[in-house]
Amino acid sequence: MSPKPTAEGVTEGIDLAGQRFLITGASSGLGLELARVLALRGASLVLPVRSLDKGRRVLDSAGLDEEARGRCELVVCDLSRLEAVRALVDSLVQQGRSFQGLALNAGVFGLPFELTPEGLEFTFASNFAGHFVLLHGLLRHRLLVPTGRVLATLSEAVRLNPFLRPDVRLLTEPRAHAKRFGAASSPTAKVLLSLSLLHLARAVRGTWAEPMEFFGVDPGATLTDNINQGGRVAQALMRVLGPRLLKPVGQGAAVLAWALTTPSLPGERGLRYFTNELAPVSIPRRWLDADLAEQVWRASEAHLATGPLRL
């Protein structure tokens, strides 16, 4: 394996014809590169985006041939609007679609404080609540195949932060992090998403979904559009330093493509974490608390009005 794997490299020789994946955050960065490479390997894709115009523009410029581009279906869905997420799930149910893989990849960071129409903090809604409702709905309606894979894009900064703790207050107190804006709610959302996957990895035992696999992946510091969500000074600095300090998106997306498509992955079953070096990494002990994971899951079900999940 190359010391600097790319998404194209790790999927070389893998035929994904007949397989379908749903990828959030596919209108830029890691999600776009993941979508491009999976389509290149023959997969069919459903790509929720806020803007169809932007989605079409970036896909049309991704270098896919007509056949591969035709297997990329853009659907309008703003993850910060839970009603939009529920409508997406309902549409997929009506179409009778099922998926071999789900990449919970979309994320925003460092945005000004804003409330969604449903009263959630915008960053928290985009990064966690929308993903939770989407995942819950796909499982409830069995739109993920029993052998499917679910991954969440996390980050090294979050994984290695010894002070970071899950904060479910954002479900009921959207202003809990108002003074720190999305800089606090974004990593909190990643921890809550990780704990949700931990709960599911345990909950599927003895059910139709027992073969399902759950992963957290850390792409490492990658040059994506998130640099445009900082202030003007930060943006100016990153335009100069970013290409030198951050890996290109093809390398960052390698671990996502690898985790979704490699036939057999290392590590014991349950929730597994992989780094951009395509290697398993130990999970912080505070993220292995099964009781806490269940509390997060139940609180999210209650406050996001999903109802209990019955597998």
C-alpha atoms as a PDB file:
ATOM      1  CA  MET A   1       0.000   0.000   0.000  1.00  0.00           C
ATOM      2  CA  SER A   2       1.285   3.450  -0.881  1.00  0.00           C
ATOM      3  CA  PRO A   3       2.285   5.564   2.154  1.00  0.00           C
ATOM      4  CA  LYS A   4      -0.121   8.185   0.819  1.00  0.00           C
ATOM      5  CA  PRO A   5      -3.182   6.235  -0.344  1.00  0.00           C
ATOM      6  CA  THR A   6      -5.885   7.898  -2.393  1.00  0.00           C
ATOM      7  CA  ALA A   7      -9.559   7.100  -2.812  1.00  0.00           C
ATOM      8  CA  GLU A   8      -8.917   5.956  -6.372  1.00  0.00           C
ATOM      9  CA  GLY A   9      -5.983   3.826  -5.315  1.00  0.00           C
ATOM     10  CA  VAL A  10      -7.715   1.938  -2.496  1.00  0.00           C
ATOM     11  CA  THR A  11     -10.675   1.066  -4.739  1.00  0.00           C
ATOM     12  CA  GLU A  12      -8.615  -0.035  -7.729  1.00  0.00           C
ATOM     13  CA  GLY A  13     -10.031  -3.298  -9.067  1.00  0.00           C
ATOM     14  CA  ILE A  14     -13.213  -3.162  -6.957  1.00  0.00           C
ATOM     15  CA  ASP A  15     -16.430  -3.527  -8.952  1.00  0.00           C
ATOM     16  CA  LEU A  16     -19.379  -1.753  -7.311  1.00  0.00           C
ATOM     17  CA  ALA A  17     -21.863  -2.329 -10.126  1.00  0.00           C
ATOM     18  CA  GLY A  18     -25.317  -2.989  -8.707  1.00  0.00           C
ATOM     19  CA  GLN A  19     -24.499  -1.410  -5.338  1.00  0.00           C
ATOM     20  CA  ARG A  20     -26.073   1.795  -4.066  1.00  0.00           C
ATOM     21  CA  PHE A  21     -24.677   4.271  -1.551  1.00  0.00           C
ATOM     22  CA  LEU A  22     -26.039   7.387   0.127  1.00  0.00           C
ATOM     23  CA  ILE A  23     -23.469  10.085   0.849  1.00  0.00           C
ATOM     24  CA  THR A  24     -24.135  13.343   2.675  1.00  0.00           C
ATOM     25  CA  GLY A  25     -21.964  16.374   2.041  1.00  0.00           C
ATOM     26  CA  ALA A  26     -21.257  15.344  -1.548  1.00  0.00           C
ATOM     27  CA  SER A  27     -21.340  18.827  -3.055  1.00  0.00           C
ATOM     28  CA  SER A  28     -17.756  19.532  -1.977  1.00  0.00           C
ATOM     29  CA  GLY A  29     -14.623  18.175  -0.371  1.00  0.00           C
ATOM     30  CA  LEU A  30     -14.434  14.629   0.943  1.00  0.00           C
ATOM     31  CA  GLY A  31     -18.016  13.768   0.033  1.00  0.00           C
ATOM     32  CA  LEU A  32     -17.613  14.887  -3.563  1.00  0.00           C
ATOM     33  CA  GLU A  33     -14.400  12.913  -3.996  1.00  0.00           C
ATOM     34  CA  LEU A  34     -15.971   9.845  -2.387  1.00  0.00           C
ATOM     35  CA  ALA A  35     -18.978  10.104  -4.701  1.00  0.00           C
ATOM     36  CA  ARG A  36     -16.762  10.573  -7.748  1.00  0.00           C
ATOM     37  CA  VAL A  37     -14.662   7.511  -6.998  1.00  0.00           C
ATOM     38  CA  LEU A  38     -17.575   5.225  -6.091  1.00  0.00           C
ATOM     39  CA  ALA A  39     -19.338   6.225  -9.310  1.00  0.00           C
ATOM     40  CA  LEU A  40     -16.107   5.555 -11.189  1.00  0.00           C
ATOM     41  CA  ARG A  41     -16.176   2.020  -9.755  1.00  0.00           C
ATOM     42  CA  GLY A  42     -19.736   1.404 -10.940  1.00  0.00           C
ATOM     43  CA  ALA A  43     -21.843   2.322  -7.903  1.00  0.00           C
ATOM     44  CA  SER A  44     -25.190   4.113  -7.992  1.00  0.00           C
ATOM     45  CA  LEU A  45     -25.408   7.069  -5.621  1.00  0.00           C
ATOM     46  CA  VAL A  46     -28.049   9.138  -3.886  1.00  0.00           C
ATOM     47  CA  LEU A  47     -26.586  12.501  -2.894  1.00  0.00           C
ATOM     48  CA  PRO A  48     -28.620  14.837  -0.652  1.00  0.00           C
ATOM     49  CA  VAL A  49     -27.598  18.469  -1.229  1.00  0.00           C
ATOM     50  CA  ARG A  50     -28.900  21.868  -0.145  1.00  0.00           C
ATOM     51  CA  SER A  51     -28.587  23.317  -3.638  1.00  0.00           C
ATOM     52  CA  LEU A  52     -29.304  21.370  -6.813  1.00  0.00           C
ATOM     53  CA  ASP A  53     -27.555  24.025  -8.894  1.00  0.00           C
ATOM     54  CA  LYS A  54     -24.327  23.706  -6.918  1.00  0.00           C
ATOM     55  CA  GLY A  55     -24.616  19.924  -6.865  1.00  0.00           C
ATOM     56  CA  ARG A  56     -25.023  19.729 -10.635  1.00  0.00           C
ATOM     57  CA  ARG A  57     -22.188  22.178 -11.186  1.00  0.00           C
ATOM     58  CA  VAL A  58     -19.639  20.296  -9.087  1.00  0.00           C
ATOM     59  CA  LEU A  59     -20.650  16.869 -10.390  1.00  0.00           C
ATOM     60  CA  ASP A  60     -20.497  18.055 -13.987  1.00  0.00           C
ATOM     61  CA  SER A  61     -16.942  19.237 -13.359  1.00  0.00           C
ATOM     62  CA  ALA A  62     -15.854  16.058 -11.524  1.00  0.00           C
ATOM     63  CA  GLY A  63     -14.542  14.365 -14.657  1.00  0.00           C
ATOM     64  CA  LEU A  64     -17.023  11.479 -14.757  1.00  0.00           C
ATOM     65  CA  ASP A  65     -18.109   9.987 -18.048  1.00  0.00           C
ATOM     66  CA  GLU A  66     -21.772  10.163 -19.018  1.00  0.00           C
ATOM     67  CA  GLU A  67     -22.616   6.717 -17.687  1.00  0.00           C
ATOM     68  CA  ALA A  68     -21.026   7.269 -14.274  1.00  0.00           C
ATOM     69  CA  ARG A  69     -22.527  10.760 -14.017  1.00  0.00           C
ATOM     70  CA  GLY A  70     -25.940   9.271 -14.777  1.00  0.00           C
ATOM     71  CA  ARG A  71     -25.658   7.011 -11.733  1.00  0.00           C
ATOM     72  CA  CYS A  72     -25.312  10.024  -9.408  1.00  0.00           C
ATOM     73  CA  GLU A  73     -28.737  11.199  -8.289  1.00  0.00           C
ATOM     74  CA  LEU A  74     -28.929  14.569  -6.569  1.00  0.00           C
ATOM     75  CA  VAL A  75     -31.840  15.148  -4.199  1.00  0.00           C
ATOM     76  CA  VAL A  76     -32.651  18.356  -2.359  1.00  0.00           C
ATOM     77  CA  CYS A  77     -32.318  17.900   1.385  1.00  0.00           C
ATOM     78  CA  ASP A  78     -31.051  20.398   3.938  1.00  0.00           C
ATOM     79  CA  LEU A  79     -29.845  18.273   6.856  1.00  0.00           C
ATOM     80  CA  SER A  80     -30.470  21.130   9.261  1.00  0.00           C
ATOM     81  CA  ARG A  81     -34.207  20.889   8.492  1.00  0.00           C
ATOM     82  CA  LEU A  82     -35.503  17.695  10.060  1.00  0.00           C
ATOM     83  CA  GLU A  83     -38.723  17.798   8.066  1.00  0.00           C
ATOM     84  CA  ALA A  84     -36.628  17.748   4.893  1.00  0.00           C
ATOM     85  CA  VAL A  85     -34.741  14.700   6.155  1.00  0.00           C
ATOM     86  CA  ARG A  86     -37.977  12.900   6.982  1.00  0.00           C
ATOM     87  CA  ALA A  87     -39.317  13.749   3.534  1.00  0.00           C
ATOM     88  CA  LEU A  88     -36.177  12.261   1.966  1.00  0.00           C
ATOM     89  CA  VAL A  89     -36.633   9.025   3.910  1.00  0.00           C
ATOM     90  CA  ASP A  90     -40.309   8.865   2.908  1.00  0.00           C
ATOM     91  CA  SER A  91     -39.346   9.338  -0.734  1.00  0.00           C
ATOM     92  CA  LEU A  92     -36.787   6.532  -0.558  1.00  0.00           C
ATOM     93  CA  VAL A  93     -39.365   4.259   1.074  1.00  0.00           C
ATOM     94  CA  GLN A  94     -41.861   4.954  -1.701  1.00  0.00           C
ATOM     95  CA  GLN A  95     -39.221   4.165  -4.309  1.00  0.00           C
ATOM     96  CA  GLY A  96     -38.331   0.920  -2.550  1.00  0.00           C
ATOM     97  CA  ARG A  97     -34.625   1.664  -2.562  1.00  0.00           C
ATOM     98  CA  SER A  98     -32.044  -0.039  -0.408  1.00  0.00           C
ATOM     99  CA  PHE A  99     -28.413   0.833   0.201  1.00  0.00           C
ATOM    100  CA  GLN A 100     -25.212  -1.113   0.678  1.00  0.00           C
ATOM    101  CA  GLY A 101     -23.518   1.830   2.341  1.00  0.00           C
ATOM    102  CA  LEU A 102     -24.252   5.102   4.135  1.00  0.00           C
ATOM    103  CA  ALA A 103     -21.642   7.831   4.615  1.00  0.00           C
ATOM    104  CA  LEU A 104     -22.604  10.399   7.252  1.00  0.00           C
ATOM    105  CA  ASN A 105     -20.059  12.881   6.015  1.00  0.00           C
ATOM    106  CA  ALA A 106     -21.641  16.344   5.822  1.00  0.00           C
ATOM    107  CA  GLY A 107     -20.457  18.904   8.322  1.00  0.00           C
ATOM    108  CA  VAL A 108     -20.185  22.625   8.943  1.00  0.00           C
ATOM    109  CA  PHE A 109     -17.889  24.417  11.360  1.00  0.00           C
ATOM    110  CA  GLY A 110     -17.364  27.820  12.895  1.00  0.00           C
ATOM    111  CA  LEU A 111     -20.569  29.434  11.633  1.00  0.00           C
ATOM    112  CA  PRO A 112     -22.387  32.216  13.513  1.00  0.00           C
ATOM    113  CA  PHE A 113     -25.067  31.153  15.963  1.00  0.00           C
ATOM    114  CA  GLU A 114     -28.376  30.515  14.243  1.00  0.00           C
ATOM    115  CA  LEU A 115     -31.541  28.633  15.107  1.00  0.00           C
ATOM    116  CA  THR A 116     -33.302  26.369  12.635  1.00  0.00           C
ATOM    117  CA  PRO A 117     -37.091  26.618  12.188  1.00  0.00           C
ATOM    118  CA  GLU A 118     -37.350  23.609  14.511  1.00  0.00           C
ATOM    119  CA  GLY A 119     -35.449  25.436  17.245  1.00  0.00           C
ATOM    120  CA  LEU A 120     -32.109  23.627  17.037  1.00  0.00           C
ATOM    121  CA  GLU A 121     -28.714  25.280  16.745  1.00  0.00           C
ATOM    122  CA  PHE A 122     -27.812  25.215  13.045  1.00  0.00           C
ATOM    123  CA  THR A 123     -24.392  23.546  13.270  1.00  0.00           C
ATOM    124  CA  PHE A 124     -25.689  20.913  15.682  1.00  0.00           C
ATOM    125  CA  ALA A 125     -28.711  20.242  13.471  1.00  0.00           C
ATOM    126  CA  SER A 126     -26.568  19.908  10.340  1.00  0.00           C
ATOM    127  CA  ASN A 127     -23.847  17.750  11.865  1.00  0.00           C
ATOM    128  CA  PHE A 128     -25.808  15.533  14.242  1.00  0.00           C
ATOM    129  CA  ALA A 129     -29.586  15.854  14.347  1.00  0.00           C
ATOM    130  CA  GLY A 130     -30.136  15.543  10.598  1.00  0.00           C
ATOM    131  CA  HIS A 131     -27.799  12.564  10.395  1.00  0.00           C
ATOM    132  CA  PHE A 132     -29.499  10.892  13.356  1.00  0.00           C
ATOM    133  CA  VAL A 133     -32.958  11.240  11.816  1.00  0.00           C
ATOM    134  CA  LEU A 134     -31.660   9.986   8.454  1.00  0.00           C
ATOM    135  CA  LEU A 135     -29.929   6.948   9.950  1.00  0.00           C
ATOM    136  CA  HIS A 136     -32.885   6.169  12.197  1.00  0.00           C
ATOM    137  CA  GLY A 137     -35.301   6.352   9.274  1.00  0.00           C
ATOM    138  CA  LEU A 138     -33.206   4.164   6.984  1.00  0.00           C
ATOM    139  CA  LEU A 139     -32.942   1.497   9.668  1.00  0.00           C
ATOM    140  CA  ARG A 140     -36.592   1.703  10.679  1.00  0.00           C
ATOM    141  CA  HIS A 141     -37.685   1.065   7.110  1.00  0.00           C
ATOM    142  CA  ARG A 142     -34.897  -1.453   6.454  1.00  0.00           C
ATOM    143  CA  LEU A 143     -33.465   0.600   3.621  1.00  0.00           C
ATOM    144  CA  LEU A 144     -29.958  -0.488   4.588  1.00  0.00           C
ATOM    145  CA  VAL A 145     -29.201  -4.066   3.565  1.00  0.00           C
ATOM    146  CA  PRO A 146     -28.304  -6.421   6.453  1.00  0.00           C
ATOM    147  CA  THR A 147     -24.675  -6.542   5.307  1.00  0.00           C
ATOM    148  CA  GLY A 148     -24.502  -2.777   4.833  1.00  0.00           C
ATOM    149  CA  ARG A 149     -21.875  -0.413   6.185  1.00  0.00           C
ATOM    150  CA  VAL A 150     -22.398   2.869   7.999  1.00  0.00           C
ATOM    151  CA  LEU A 151     -19.583   5.327   8.543  1.00  0.00           C
ATOM    152  CA  ALA A 152     -19.305   8.724  10.155  1.00  0.00           C
ATOM    153  CA  THR A 153     -16.556  11.173   9.243  1.00  0.00           C
ATOM    154  CA  LEU A 154     -14.901  12.278  12.479  1.00  0.00           C
ATOM    155  CA  SER A 155     -11.658  14.138  13.113  1.00  0.00           C
ATOM    156  CA  GLU A 156      -8.352  13.628  14.844  1.00  0.00           C
ATOM    157  CA  ALA A 157      -8.794  16.849  16.812  1.00  0.00           C
ATOM    158  CA  VAL A 158     -12.041  15.548  18.270  1.00  0.00           C
ATOM    159  CA  ARG A 159     -10.769  12.019  18.843  1.00  0.00           C
ATOM    160  CA  LEU A 160      -7.668  13.182  20.722  1.00  0.00           C
ATOM    161  CA  ASN A 161      -9.290  15.987  22.732  1.00  0.00           C
ATOM    162  CA  PRO A 162      -9.199  14.742  26.358  1.00  0.00           C
ATOM    163  CA  PHE A 163     -11.645  17.405  27.546  1.00  0.00           C
ATOM    164  CA  LEU A 164     -14.401  16.837  25.022  1.00  0.00           C
ATOM    165  CA  ARG A 165     -17.561  15.307  26.432  1.00  0.00           C
ATOM    166  CA  PRO A 166     -20.967  14.587  24.909  1.00  0.00           C
ATOM    167  CA  ASP A 167     -23.409  17.392  25.612  1.00  0.00           C
ATOM    168  CA  VAL A 168     -27.015  16.403  24.981  1.00  0.00           C
ATOM    169  CA  ARG A 169     -28.155  19.823  26.214  1.00  0.00           C
ATOM    170  CA  LEU A 170     -28.123  20.974  22.606  1.00  0.00           C
ATOM    171  CA  LEU A 171     -31.213  18.822  22.035  1.00  0.00           C
ATOM    172  CA  THR A 172     -33.201  20.940  24.471  1.00  0.00           C
ATOM    173  CA  GLU A 173     -31.053  24.040  25.092  1.00  0.00           C
ATOM    174  CA  PRO A 174     -29.920  25.258  21.658  1.00  0.00           C
ATOM    175  CA  ARG A 175     -28.223  28.296  23.186  1.00  0.00           C
ATOM    176  CA  ALA A 176     -25.967  26.185  25.408  1.00  0.00           C
ATOM    177  CA  HIS A 177     -22.996  26.883  23.118  1.00  0.00           C
ATOM    178  CA  ALA A 178     -24.176  30.215  21.724  1.00  0.00           C
ATOM    179  CA  LYS A 179     -21.161  32.172  22.938  1.00  0.00           C
ATOM    180  CA  ARG A 180     -18.792  29.765  21.227  1.00  0.00           C
ATOM    181  CA  PHE A 181     -20.902  29.317  18.101  1.00  0.00           C
ATOM    182  CA  GLY A 182     -20.291  26.210  15.996  1.00  0.00           C
ATOM    183  CA  ALA A 183     -16.751  25.841  17.300  1.00  0.00           C
ATOM    184  CA  ALA A 184     -18.232  23.972  20.258  1.00  0.00           C
ATOM    185  CA  SER A 185     -21.324  22.376  18.778  1.00  0.00           C
ATOM    186  CA  SER A 186     -19.447  20.844  15.834  1.00  0.00           C
ATOM    187  CA  PRO A 187     -17.155  18.575  17.908  1.00  0.00           C
ATOM    188  CA  THR A 188     -20.027  17.849  20.287  1.00  0.00           C
ATOM    189  CA  ALA A 189     -22.053  16.646  17.313  1.00  0.00           C
ATOM    190  CA  LYS A 190     -19.233  14.309  16.267  1.00  0.00           C
ATOM    191  CA  VAL A 191     -19.047  12.757  19.728  1.00  0.00           C
ATOM    192  CA  LEU A 192     -22.813  12.252  19.845  1.00  0.00           C
ATOM    193  CA  LEU A 193     -22.774  10.687  16.382  1.00  0.00           C
ATOM    194  CA  SER A 194     -19.981   8.351  17.445  1.00  0.00           C
ATOM    195  CA  LEU A 195     -21.911   7.295  20.548  1.00  0.00           C
ATOM    196  CA  SER A 196     -25.015   6.721  18.427  1.00  0.00           C
ATOM    197  CA  LEU A 197     -23.072   4.318  16.211  1.00  0.00           C
ATOM    198  CA  LEU A 198     -21.679   2.598  19.298  1.00  0.00           C
ATOM    199  CA  HIS A 199     -25.227   2.040  20.524  1.00  0.00           C
ATOM    200  CA  LEU A 200     -26.299   0.652  17.154  1.00  0.00           C
ATOM    201  CA  ALA A 201     -23.312  -1.687  16.929  1.00  0.00           C
ATOM    202  CA  ARG A 202     -24.616  -3.281  20.117  1.00  0.00           C
ATOM    203  CA  ALA A 203     -28.328  -2.970  19.394  1.00  0.00           C
ATOM    204  CA  VAL A 204     -28.208  -4.899  16.107  1.00  0.00           C
ATOM    205  CA  ARG A 205     -27.064  -8.101  17.800  1.00  0.00           C
ATOM    206  CA  GLY A 206     -29.633 -10.837  17.379  1.00  0.00           C
ATOM    207  CA  THR A 207     -31.625  -8.861  14.795  1.00  0.00           C
ATOM    208  CA  TRP A 208     -31.914  -8.792  10.999  1.00  0.00           C
ATOM    209  CA  ALA A 209     -29.197  -6.107  11.003  1.00  0.00           C
ATOM    210  CA  GLU A 210     -26.613  -8.094  12.978  1.00  0.00           C
ATOM    211  CA  PRO A 211     -24.164  -8.375  10.028  1.00  0.00           C
ATOM    212  CA  MET A 212     -24.152  -4.582   9.602  1.00  0.00           C
ATOM    213  CA  GLU A 213     -20.843  -2.810  10.213  1.00  0.00           C
ATOM    214  CA  PHE A 214     -20.287   0.600  11.802  1.00  0.00           C
ATOM    215  CA  PHE A 215     -17.196   2.780  11.477  1.00  0.00           C
ATOM    216  CA  GLY A 216     -15.810   6.101  12.533  1.00  0.00           C
ATOM    217  CA  VAL A 217     -13.182   7.377  10.101  1.00  0.00           C
ATOM    218  CA  ASP A 218     -10.586  10.095  10.566  1.00  0.00           C
ATOM    219  CA  PRO A 219      -9.417  11.527   7.218  1.00  0.00           C
ATOM    220  CA  GLY A 220      -6.807  13.726   8.847  1.00  0.00           C
ATOM    221  CA  ALA A 221      -6.258  17.396   8.082  1.00  0.00           C
ATOM    222  CA  THR A 222      -7.553  17.777   4.523  1.00  0.00           C
ATOM    223  CA  LEU A 223      -7.892  20.773   2.239  1.00  0.00           C
ATOM    224  CA  THR A 224     -11.691  21.076   1.898  1.00  0.00           C
ATOM    225  CA  ASP A 225     -14.253  23.858   1.656  1.00  0.00           C
ATOM    226  CA  ASN A 226     -14.437  24.036   5.456  1.00  0.00           C
ATOM    227  CA  ILE A 227     -11.578  26.526   5.311  1.00  0.00           C
ATOM    228  CA  ASN A 228     -14.087  28.946   3.774  1.00  0.00           C
ATOM    229  CA  GLN A 229     -16.197  28.817   6.930  1.00  0.00           C
ATOM    230  CA  GLY A 230     -13.612  30.671   8.996  1.00  0.00           C
ATOM    231  CA  GLY A 231     -13.094  34.415   9.174  1.00  0.00           C
ATOM    232  CA  ARG A 232     -11.422  36.465   6.456  1.00  0.00           C
ATOM    233  CA  VAL A 233      -8.003  36.289   8.092  1.00  0.00           C
ATOM    234  CA  ALA A 234      -8.224  32.519   8.515  1.00  0.00           C
ATOM    235  CA  GLN A 235      -9.359  32.116   4.925  1.00  0.00           C
ATOM    236  CA  ALA A 236      -6.490  34.232   3.624  1.00  0.00           C
ATOM    237  CA  LEU A 237      -3.940  32.274   5.661  1.00  0.00           C
ATOM    238  CA  MET A 238      -5.314  28.913   4.574  1.00  0.00           C
ATOM    239  CA  ARG A 239      -5.282  29.884   0.914  1.00  0.00           C
ATOM    240  CA  VAL A 240      -1.527  30.336   1.264  1.00  0.00           C
ATOM    241  CA  LEU A 241      -0.650  27.672   3.830  1.00  0.00           C
ATOM    242  CA  GLY A 242      -3.380  25.116   3.194  1.00  0.00           C
ATOM    243  CA  PRO A 243      -1.782  23.408   0.188  1.00  0.00           C
ATOM    244  CA  ARG A 244       1.429  23.015   2.203  1.00  0.00           C
ATOM    245  CA  LEU A 245      -0.074  21.906   5.514  1.00  0.00           C
ATOM    246  CA  LEU A 246      -3.134  19.915   4.478  1.00  0.00           C
ATOM    247  CA  LYS A 247      -3.421  16.783   2.373  1.00  0.00           C
ATOM    248  CA  PRO A 248      -5.292  16.914  -0.945  1.00  0.00           C
ATOM    249  CA  VAL A 249      -8.865  15.721  -0.904  1.00  0.00           C
ATOM    250  CA  GLY A 250      -8.040  12.533  -2.816  1.00  0.00           C
ATOM    251  CA  GLN A 251      -5.855  11.404   0.082  1.00  0.00           C
ATOM    252  CA  GLY A 252      -8.322  12.532   2.734  1.00  0.00           C
ATOM    253  CA  ALA A 253     -11.150  10.574   1.121  1.00  0.00           C
ATOM    254  CA  ALA A 254      -9.088   7.384   0.931  1.00  0.00           C
ATOM    255  CA  VAL A 255     -10.163   6.082   4.334  1.00  0.00           C
ATOM    256  CA  LEU A 256     -13.840   6.732   3.552  1.00  0.00           C
ATOM    257  CA  ALA A 257     -13.678   4.821   0.270  1.00  0.00           C
ATOM    258  CA  TRP A 258     -11.617   2.055   1.852  1.00  0.00           C
ATOM    259  CA  ALA A 259     -14.012   1.549   4.779  1.00  0.00           C
ATOM    260  CA  LEU A 260     -17.070   1.451   2.518  1.00  0.00           C
ATOM    261  CA  THR A 261     -15.724  -0.889  -0.157  1.00  0.00           C
ATOM    262  CA  THR A 262     -12.885  -3.125   1.053  1.00  0.00           C
ATOM    263  CA  PRO A 263     -14.289  -6.655   1.343  1.00  0.00           C
ATOM    264  CA  SER A 264     -12.753  -7.483   4.727  1.00  0.00           C
ATOM    265  CA  LEU A 265     -11.604  -4.900   7.250  1.00  0.00           C
ATOM    266  CA  PRO A 266      -9.340  -5.408  10.273  1.00  0.00           C
ATOM    267  CA  GLY A 267     -10.478  -5.278  13.866  1.00  0.00           C
ATOM    268  CA  GLU A 268     -13.184  -6.881  15.955  1.00  0.00           C
ATOM    269  CA  ARG A 269     -16.820  -6.337  15.120  1.00  0.00           C
ATOM    270  CA  GLY A 270     -18.638  -3.516  16.831  1.00  0.00           C
ATOM    271  CA  LEU A 271     -17.835   0.142  16.317  1.00  0.00           C
ATOM    272  CA  ARG A 272     -14.403   0.440  14.701  1.00  0.00           C
ATOM    273  CA  TYR A 273     -12.285   3.524  14.070  1.00  0.00           C
ATOM    274  CA  PHE A 274      -9.857   3.913  11.202  1.00  0.00           C
ATOM    275  CA  THR A 275      -7.328   6.651  10.488  1.00  0.00           C
ATOM    276  CA  ASN A 276      -6.193   8.076   7.182  1.00  0.00           C
ATOM    277  CA  GLU A 277      -3.351   5.553   7.331  1.00  0.00           C
ATOM    278  CA  LEU A 278      -5.991   2.828   6.782  1.00  0.00           C
ATOM    279  CA  ALA A 279      -5.308   1.351  10.183  1.00  0.00           C
ATOM    280  CA  PRO A 280      -7.546   0.714  13.185  1.00  0.00           C
ATOM    281  CA  VAL A 281      -7.070   3.055  16.105  1.00  0.00           C
ATOM    282  CA  SER A 282      -8.107   2.622  19.711  1.00  0.00           C
ATOM    283  CA  ILE A 283     -11.322   4.339  20.701  1.00  0.00           C
ATOM    284  CA  PRO A 284     -11.164   6.806  23.606  1.00  0.00           C
ATOM    285  CA  ARG A 285     -12.493   5.096  26.717  1.00  0.00           C
ATOM    286  CA  ARG A 286     -15.069   7.811  27.285  1.00  0.00           C
ATOM    287  CA  TRP A 287     -16.594   6.908  23.905  1.00  0.00           C
ATOM    288  CA  LEU A 288     -16.969   3.233  24.870  1.00  0.00           C
ATOM    289  CA  ASP A 289     -19.514   3.776  27.632  1.00  0.00           C
ATOM    290  CA  ALA A 290     -22.459   1.609  26.563  1.00  0.00           C
ATOM    291  CA  ASP A 291     -24.789   3.167  29.130  1.00  0.00           C
ATOM    292  CA  LEU A 292     -23.908   6.670  27.980  1.00  0.00           C
ATOM    293  CA  ALA A 293     -24.357   5.632  24.340  1.00  0.00           C
ATOM    294  CA  GLU A 294     -27.826   4.325  25.104  1.00  0.00           C
ATOM    295  CA  GLN A 295     -28.703   7.522  26.986  1.00  0.00           C
ATOM    296  CA  VAL A 296     -27.628   9.603  23.994  1.00  0.00           C
ATOM    297  CA  TRP A 297     -29.658   7.411  21.649  1.00  0.00           C
ATOM    298  CA  ARG A 298     -32.810   7.498  23.791  1.00  0.00           C
ATOM    299  CA  ALA A 299     -32.559  11.236  24.395  1.00  0.00           C
ATOM    300  CA  SER A 300     -32.129  11.842  20.666  1.00  0.00           C
ATOM    301  CA  GLU A 301     -35.131   9.670  19.841  1.00  0.00           C
ATOM    302  CA  ALA A 302     -37.245  11.543  22.376  1.00  0.00           C
ATOM    303  CA  HIS A 303     -36.264  15.079  21.425  1.00  0.00           C
ATOM    304  CA  LEU A 304     -36.022  14.564  17.668  1.00  0.00           C
ATOM    305  CA  ALA A 305     -39.411  12.822  17.583  1.00  0.00           C
ATOM    306  CA  THR A 306     -38.253   9.710  15.780  1.00  0.00           C
ATOM    307  CA  GLY A 307     -39.966   7.247  18.075  1.00  0.00           C
ATOM    308  CA  PRO A 308     -38.145   4.117  19.286  1.00  0.00           C
ATOM    309  CA  LEU A 309     -36.234   2.061  16.745  1.00  0.00           C
ATOM    310  CA  ARG A 310     -37.391  -1.546  16.537  1.00  0.00           C
ATOM    311  CA  LEU A 311     -34.958  -3.755  14.666  1.00  0.00           C
END
